[in-house]
Amino acid sequence: MEILYTVLSILLFIVAVLLIIIILMQKTKGAEIGAIFGSGAAAAVLGAGASNILTKITYWLGGIFLFIVFALSFIHHKTIKSPTVIDDIPAQTEKIPEKQE
């Protein structure tokens, strides 16, 4: 399970970086600040329909991101040894001092 958890964590990181890059490449509806981060380059490389393609890629990457997060959560939940944190706390015993006579 640890290997799967590690692989999914690495894949989650890669998907998150790709999602950030794709979102920054899209054209904004506001002040066109996206041009600073390369939305003009996306239109030049991918053509006029770049916004449709980028939107679809964003939806897919978002769905993959959510799936991986839920899978990691499920794996983590199954690997926990005890259901609560309180079970992991060792029991403390009090020592009663002996009376000296």
C-alpha atoms as a PDB file:
ATOM      1  CA  MET A   1       0.000   0.000   0.000  1.00  0.00           C
ATOM      2  CA  GLU A   2       2.901   2.341   0.668  1.00  0.00           C
ATOM      3  CA  ILE A   3       4.110   2.096  -2.922  1.00  0.00           C
ATOM      4  CA  LEU A   4       0.642   2.925  -4.259  1.00  0.00           C
ATOM      5  CA  TYR A   5       0.374   5.833  -1.812  1.00  0.00           C
ATOM      6  CA  THR A   6       3.763   7.175  -2.963  1.00  0.00           C
ATOM      7  CA  VAL A   7       2.929   6.794  -6.656  1.00  0.00           C
ATOM      8  CA  LEU A   8      -0.435   8.530  -6.213  1.00  0.00           C
ATOM      9  CA  SER A   9       1.211  11.339  -4.230  1.00  0.00           C
ATOM     10  CA  ILE A  10       3.733  11.948  -7.006  1.00  0.00           C
ATOM     11  CA  LEU A  11       0.968  11.795  -9.618  1.00  0.00           C
ATOM     12  CA  LEU A  12      -1.081  14.269  -7.566  1.00  0.00           C
ATOM     13  CA  PHE A  13       1.839  16.692  -7.531  1.00  0.00           C
ATOM     14  CA  ILE A  14       2.292  16.409 -11.306  1.00  0.00           C
ATOM     15  CA  VAL A  15      -1.429  16.903 -11.965  1.00  0.00           C
ATOM     16  CA  ALA A  16      -1.501  19.914  -9.635  1.00  0.00           C
ATOM     17  CA  VAL A  17       1.402  21.579 -11.449  1.00  0.00           C
ATOM     18  CA  LEU A  18      -0.182  20.867 -14.848  1.00  0.00           C
ATOM     19  CA  LEU A  19      -3.503  22.224 -13.613  1.00  0.00           C
ATOM     20  CA  ILE A  20      -1.848  25.449 -12.460  1.00  0.00           C
ATOM     21  CA  ILE A  21      -0.050  25.857 -15.803  1.00  0.00           C
ATOM     22  CA  ILE A  22      -3.207  25.172 -17.853  1.00  0.00           C
ATOM     23  CA  ILE A  23      -5.281  27.586 -15.778  1.00  0.00           C
ATOM     24  CA  LEU A  24      -2.694  30.333 -16.170  1.00  0.00           C
ATOM     25  CA  MET A  25      -2.589  29.794 -19.945  1.00  0.00           C
ATOM     26  CA  GLN A  26      -6.307  30.464 -20.357  1.00  0.00           C
ATOM     27  CA  LYS A  27      -7.647  33.816 -21.392  1.00  0.00           C
ATOM     28  CA  THR A  28      -9.335  35.786 -18.677  1.00  0.00           C
ATOM     29  CA  LYS A  29     -12.668  37.469 -19.108  1.00  0.00           C
ATOM     30  CA  GLY A  30     -11.483  40.502 -17.156  1.00  0.00           C
ATOM     31  CA  ALA A  31      -8.414  42.649 -17.586  1.00  0.00           C
ATOM     32  CA  GLU A  32      -6.463  40.138 -19.695  1.00  0.00           C
ATOM     33  CA  ILE A  33      -3.855  39.630 -17.006  1.00  0.00           C
ATOM     34  CA  GLY A  34      -3.537  36.078 -18.286  1.00  0.00           C
ATOM     35  CA  ALA A  35      -1.412  37.415 -21.146  1.00  0.00           C
ATOM     36  CA  ILE A  36       1.378  37.981 -18.637  1.00  0.00           C
ATOM     37  CA  PHE A  37       1.457  34.279 -17.849  1.00  0.00           C
ATOM     38  CA  GLY A  38       1.319  33.030 -21.412  1.00  0.00           C
ATOM     39  CA  SER A  39      -2.267  32.955 -22.631  1.00  0.00           C
ATOM     40  CA  GLY A  40      -1.124  34.673 -25.806  1.00  0.00           C
ATOM     41  CA  ALA A  41       1.413  31.908 -26.355  1.00  0.00           C
ATOM     42  CA  ALA A  42      -1.282  29.268 -25.965  1.00  0.00           C
ATOM     43  CA  ALA A  43      -3.389  30.925 -28.653  1.00  0.00           C
ATOM     44  CA  ALA A  44      -0.368  31.161 -30.963  1.00  0.00           C
ATOM     45  CA  VAL A  45       0.611  27.522 -30.499  1.00  0.00           C
ATOM     46  CA  LEU A  46      -2.794  25.855 -30.268  1.00  0.00           C
ATOM     47  CA  GLY A  47      -4.698  28.094 -32.671  1.00  0.00           C
ATOM     48  CA  ALA A  48      -8.047  29.869 -32.409  1.00  0.00           C
ATOM     49  CA  GLY A  49      -9.789  27.032 -30.596  1.00  0.00           C
ATOM     50  CA  ALA A  50      -7.219  27.024 -27.822  1.00  0.00           C
ATOM     51  CA  SER A  51      -9.669  28.203 -25.190  1.00  0.00           C
ATOM     52  CA  ASN A  52     -12.009  25.265 -25.838  1.00  0.00           C
ATOM     53  CA  ILE A  53      -9.159  22.756 -25.668  1.00  0.00           C
ATOM     54  CA  LEU A  54      -7.704  24.356 -22.549  1.00  0.00           C
ATOM     55  CA  THR A  55     -11.123  24.348 -20.892  1.00  0.00           C
ATOM     56  CA  LYS A  56     -11.592  20.642 -21.597  1.00  0.00           C
ATOM     57  CA  ILE A  57      -8.088  19.844 -20.338  1.00  0.00           C
ATOM     58  CA  THR A  58      -8.819  21.863 -17.193  1.00  0.00           C
ATOM     59  CA  TYR A  59     -12.018  19.894 -16.543  1.00  0.00           C
ATOM     60  CA  TRP A  60     -10.235  16.568 -17.030  1.00  0.00           C
ATOM     61  CA  LEU A  61      -7.263  17.528 -14.869  1.00  0.00           C
ATOM     62  CA  GLY A  62      -9.630  18.789 -12.171  1.00  0.00           C
ATOM     63  CA  GLY A  63     -11.526  15.503 -12.205  1.00  0.00           C
ATOM     64  CA  ILE A  64      -8.304  13.487 -12.078  1.00  0.00           C
ATOM     65  CA  PHE A  65      -7.075  15.669  -9.219  1.00  0.00           C
ATOM     66  CA  LEU A  66     -10.235  15.044  -7.195  1.00  0.00           C
ATOM     67  CA  PHE A  67     -10.125  11.303  -7.901  1.00  0.00           C
ATOM     68  CA  ILE A  68      -6.517  11.043  -6.728  1.00  0.00           C
ATOM     69  CA  VAL A  69      -7.266  13.039  -3.575  1.00  0.00           C
ATOM     70  CA  PHE A  70     -10.192  10.753  -2.709  1.00  0.00           C
ATOM     71  CA  ALA A  71      -8.083   7.656  -3.463  1.00  0.00           C
ATOM     72  CA  LEU A  72      -5.269   8.902  -1.208  1.00  0.00           C
ATOM     73  CA  SER A  73      -7.770   9.651   1.536  1.00  0.00           C
ATOM     74  CA  PHE A  74      -9.258   6.160   1.249  1.00  0.00           C
ATOM     75  CA  ILE A  75      -5.836   4.490   1.314  1.00  0.00           C
ATOM     76  CA  HIS A  76      -4.760   6.553   4.310  1.00  0.00           C
ATOM     77  CA  HIS A  77      -7.966   5.685   6.148  1.00  0.00           C
ATOM     78  CA  LYS A  78      -7.443   1.958   5.513  1.00  0.00           C
ATOM     79  CA  THR A  79      -3.828   1.983   6.715  1.00  0.00           C
ATOM     80  CA  ILE A  80      -4.554   3.590  10.094  1.00  0.00           C
ATOM     81  CA  LYS A  81      -3.963   1.054  12.848  1.00  0.00           C
ATOM     82  CA  SER A  82      -6.421   2.462  15.363  1.00  0.00           C
ATOM     83  CA  PRO A  83      -9.724   4.205  14.713  1.00  0.00           C
ATOM     84  CA  THR A  84      -8.986   7.085  17.088  1.00  0.00           C
ATOM     85  CA  VAL A  85      -5.972   8.978  18.325  1.00  0.00           C
ATOM     86  CA  ILE A  86      -6.965   8.266  21.917  1.00  0.00           C
ATOM     87  CA  ASP A  87      -6.249   4.559  21.438  1.00  0.00           C
ATOM     88  CA  ASP A  88      -2.610   5.375  20.695  1.00  0.00           C
ATOM     89  CA  ILE A  89      -2.042   7.120  24.042  1.00  0.00           C
ATOM     90  CA  PRO A  90      -0.430   4.764  26.539  1.00  0.00           C
ATOM     91  CA  ALA A  91      -2.268   4.254  29.804  1.00  0.00           C
ATOM     92  CA  GLN A  92      -0.714   6.024  32.763  1.00  0.00           C
ATOM     93  CA  THR A  93      -0.609   4.429  36.147  1.00  0.00           C
ATOM     94  CA  GLU A  94      -0.231   6.329  39.359  1.00  0.00           C
ATOM     95  CA  LYS A  95       2.286   5.128  41.874  1.00  0.00           C
ATOM     96  CA  ILE A  96       1.114   5.453  45.431  1.00  0.00           C
ATOM     97  CA  PRO A  97       3.943   6.554  47.680  1.00  0.00           C
ATOM     98  CA  GLU A  98       4.730   4.134  50.460  1.00  0.00           C
ATOM     99  CA  LYS A  99       4.270   5.305  54.034  1.00  0.00           C
ATOM    100  CA  GLN A 100       7.418   5.432  56.025  1.00  0.00           C
ATOM    101  CA  GLU A 101       7.156   4.355  59.637  1.00  0.00           C
END
